[in-house]
C-alpha atoms as a PDB file:
ATOM      1  CA  ASN A   1     107.662  -2.746  13.490  1.00  0.00           C
ATOM      2  CA  ALA A   2     105.580   0.404  13.256  1.00  0.00           C
ATOM      3  CA  THR A   3     108.560   2.762  13.308  1.00  0.00           C
ATOM      4  CA  GLY A   4     110.185   1.115  10.310  1.00  0.00           C
ATOM      5  CA  ASP A   5     107.978   2.906   7.809  1.00  0.00           C
ATOM      6  CA  ALA A   6     109.226   6.311   8.917  1.00  0.00           C
ATOM      7  CA  HIS A   7     112.682   5.489   7.622  1.00  0.00           C
ATOM      8  CA  ARG A   8     111.533   3.964   4.387  1.00  0.00           C
ATOM      9  CA  MET A   9     113.374   5.415   1.440  1.00  0.00           C
ATOM     10  CA  ARG A  10     111.694   6.158  -1.834  1.00  0.00           C
ATOM     11  CA  HIS A  11     113.741   7.275  -4.783  1.00  0.00           C
ATOM     12  CA  ILE A  12     112.733  10.081  -7.082  1.00  0.00           C
ATOM     13  CA  GLU A  13     112.606   8.862 -10.679  1.00  0.00           C
ATOM     14  CA  PHE A  14     111.451  12.110 -12.207  1.00  0.00           C
ATOM     15  CA  LYS A  15     111.603  15.669 -10.933  1.00  0.00           C
ATOM     16  CA  PRO A  16     110.138  18.495 -13.000  1.00  0.00           C
ATOM     17  CA  GLU A  17     112.031  21.612 -13.948  1.00  0.00           C
ATOM     18  CA  ILE A  18     110.619  24.209 -11.564  1.00  0.00           C
ATOM     19  CA  VAL A  19     110.847  27.778 -12.780  1.00  0.00           C
ATOM     20  CA  ASN A  20     110.891  30.624 -10.295  1.00  0.00           C
ATOM     21  CA  PRO A  21     107.989  32.892 -11.350  1.00  0.00           C
ATOM     22  CA  THR A  22     109.006  35.674  -8.942  1.00  0.00           C
ATOM     23  CA  GLN A  23     111.935  37.938  -8.193  1.00  0.00           C
ATOM     24  CA  GLU A  24     112.366  36.364  -4.769  1.00  0.00           C
ATOM     25  CA  GLU A  25     114.539  33.542  -3.544  1.00  0.00           C
ATOM     26  CA  GLY A  26     113.558  31.002  -0.948  1.00  0.00           C
ATOM     27  CA  LYS A  27     113.054  27.420   0.037  1.00  0.00           C
ATOM     28  CA  VAL A  28     109.678  25.725   0.277  1.00  0.00           C
ATOM     29  CA  VAL A  29     109.441  22.414   2.089  1.00  0.00           C
ATOM     30  CA  VAL A  30     106.577  20.448   0.583  1.00  0.00           C
ATOM     31  CA  ASN A  31     105.052  17.427   2.273  1.00  0.00           C
ATOM     32  CA  VAL A  32     104.260  14.991  -0.498  1.00  0.00           C
ATOM     33  CA  TYR A  33     102.026  11.988   0.027  1.00  0.00           C
ATOM     34  CA  VAL A  34     103.202   9.169  -2.240  1.00  0.00           C
ATOM     35  CA  ASP A  35     101.144   6.088  -3.021  1.00  0.00           C
ATOM     36  CA  ARG A  36     102.559   2.627  -3.680  1.00  0.00           C
ATOM     37  CA  THR A  37     102.853   3.237  -7.422  1.00  0.00           C
ATOM     38  CA  GLY A  38     105.091   6.261  -6.839  1.00  0.00           C
ATOM     39  CA  LYS A  39     102.438   8.846  -7.669  1.00  0.00           C
ATOM     40  CA  VAL A  40     102.102  11.984  -5.555  1.00  0.00           C
ATOM     41  CA  VAL A  41      98.439  12.189  -4.524  1.00  0.00           C
ATOM     42  CA  LYS A  42      98.546  15.146  -2.115  1.00  0.00           C
ATOM     43  CA  THR A  43     100.882  18.017  -1.326  1.00  0.00           C
ATOM     44  CA  GLU A  44     101.024  20.682   1.354  1.00  0.00           C
ATOM     45  CA  VAL A  45     103.510  23.295   2.511  1.00  0.00           C
ATOM     46  CA  ASN A  46     105.480  22.205   5.555  1.00  0.00           C
ATOM     47  CA  PRO A  47     106.164  25.392   7.559  1.00  0.00           C
ATOM     48  CA  ASN A  48     109.165  23.742   9.221  1.00  0.00           C
ATOM     49  CA  GLY A  49     112.129  24.698   7.078  1.00  0.00           C
ATOM     50  CA  THR A  50     110.170  26.824   4.610  1.00  0.00           C
ATOM     51  CA  THR A  51     111.928  30.177   4.355  1.00  0.00           C
ATOM     52  CA  THR A  52     109.460  32.176   2.253  1.00  0.00           C
ATOM     53  CA  LEU A  53     105.964  33.455   2.886  1.00  0.00           C
ATOM     54  CA  ASN A  54     105.590  34.297  -0.805  1.00  0.00           C
ATOM     55  CA  SER A  55     102.282  32.707  -1.792  1.00  0.00           C
ATOM     56  CA  VAL A  56     103.329  32.380  -5.452  1.00  0.00           C
ATOM     57  CA  LEU A  57     106.454  30.418  -4.551  1.00  0.00           C
ATOM     58  CA  ARG A  58     104.514  28.278  -2.125  1.00  0.00           C
ATOM     59  CA  SER A  59     101.767  27.422  -4.610  1.00  0.00           C
ATOM     60  CA  THR A  60     104.309  26.854  -7.409  1.00  0.00           C
ATOM     61  CA  ALA A  61     106.142  24.414  -5.145  1.00  0.00           C
ATOM     62  CA  THR A  62     103.044  22.468  -4.106  1.00  0.00           C
ATOM     63  CA  GLN A  63     101.709  22.319  -7.685  1.00  0.00           C
ATOM     64  CA  SER A  64     105.092  21.269  -9.098  1.00  0.00           C
ATOM     65  CA  ALA A  65     105.454  18.555  -6.469  1.00  0.00           C
ATOM     66  CA  TYR A  66     102.526  16.708  -8.047  1.00  0.00           C
ATOM     67  CA  LYS A  67     104.747  16.085 -11.072  1.00  0.00           C
ATOM     68  CA  ILE A  68     107.453  14.342  -9.071  1.00  0.00           C
ATOM     69  CA  LYS A  69     107.483  10.602  -9.739  1.00  0.00           C
ATOM     70  CA  PHE A  70     108.830   8.133  -7.210  1.00  0.00           C
ATOM     71  CA  ASP A  71     109.763   4.496  -7.571  1.00  0.00           C
ATOM     72  CA  GLU A  72     107.156   1.861  -6.776  1.00  0.00           C
ATOM     73  CA  ASP A  73     106.911   0.210  -3.384  1.00  0.00           C
ATOM     74  CA  PRO A  74     104.195  -2.475  -3.654  1.00  0.00           C
ATOM     75  CA  THR A  75     104.667  -3.586  -0.038  1.00  0.00           C
ATOM     76  CA  GLY A  76     104.948  -0.078   1.365  1.00  0.00           C
ATOM     77  CA  PRO A  77     102.377   1.973   3.218  1.00  0.00           C
ATOM     78  CA  GLU A  78      99.323   3.033   1.266  1.00  0.00           C
ATOM     79  CA  LEU A  79     100.418   6.638   1.594  1.00  0.00           C
ATOM     80  CA  LEU A  80     103.911   7.672   2.567  1.00  0.00           C
ATOM     81  CA  LEU A  81     104.588  11.223   3.721  1.00  0.00           C
ATOM     82  CA  LEU A  82     107.897  12.622   2.512  1.00  0.00           C
ATOM     83  CA  PRO A  83     109.167  16.179   2.943  1.00  0.00           C
ATOM     84  CA  ILE A  84     110.785  17.563  -0.222  1.00  0.00           C
ATOM     85  CA  ASP A  85     112.896  20.732  -0.318  1.00  0.00           C
ATOM     86  CA  ILE A  86     112.231  22.932  -3.321  1.00  0.00           C
ATOM     87  CA  TYR A  87     114.673  25.805  -3.768  1.00  0.00           C
ATOM     88  CA  PHE A  88     113.837  28.927  -5.723  1.00  0.00           C
ATOM     89  CA  THR A  89     116.834  30.944  -6.877  1.00  0.00           C
ATOM     90  CA  LEU A  90     117.281  33.859  -9.181  1.00  0.00           C
ATOM     91  CA  LYS A  91     119.135  32.921 -12.351  1.00  0.00           C
END
């Protein structure tokens, strides 16, 4: 069933504290590519749903997404694409 993989759920085991380095608020949707061990091997900004064009927020989001750790899925696809919402707010 080729469509089954699209609905595969992976659980986040570790999410880094992401500090907003700017004076702007916004949401960055990051496509993360997760391997079977739960490691993020590639990230990119997903323009769908991203609300900021601020390059600092966008690069902070994609860099921080590398630190997210997912659970293992030994029988899963070699690389699974998951969109992650990263919100930047002003404290």
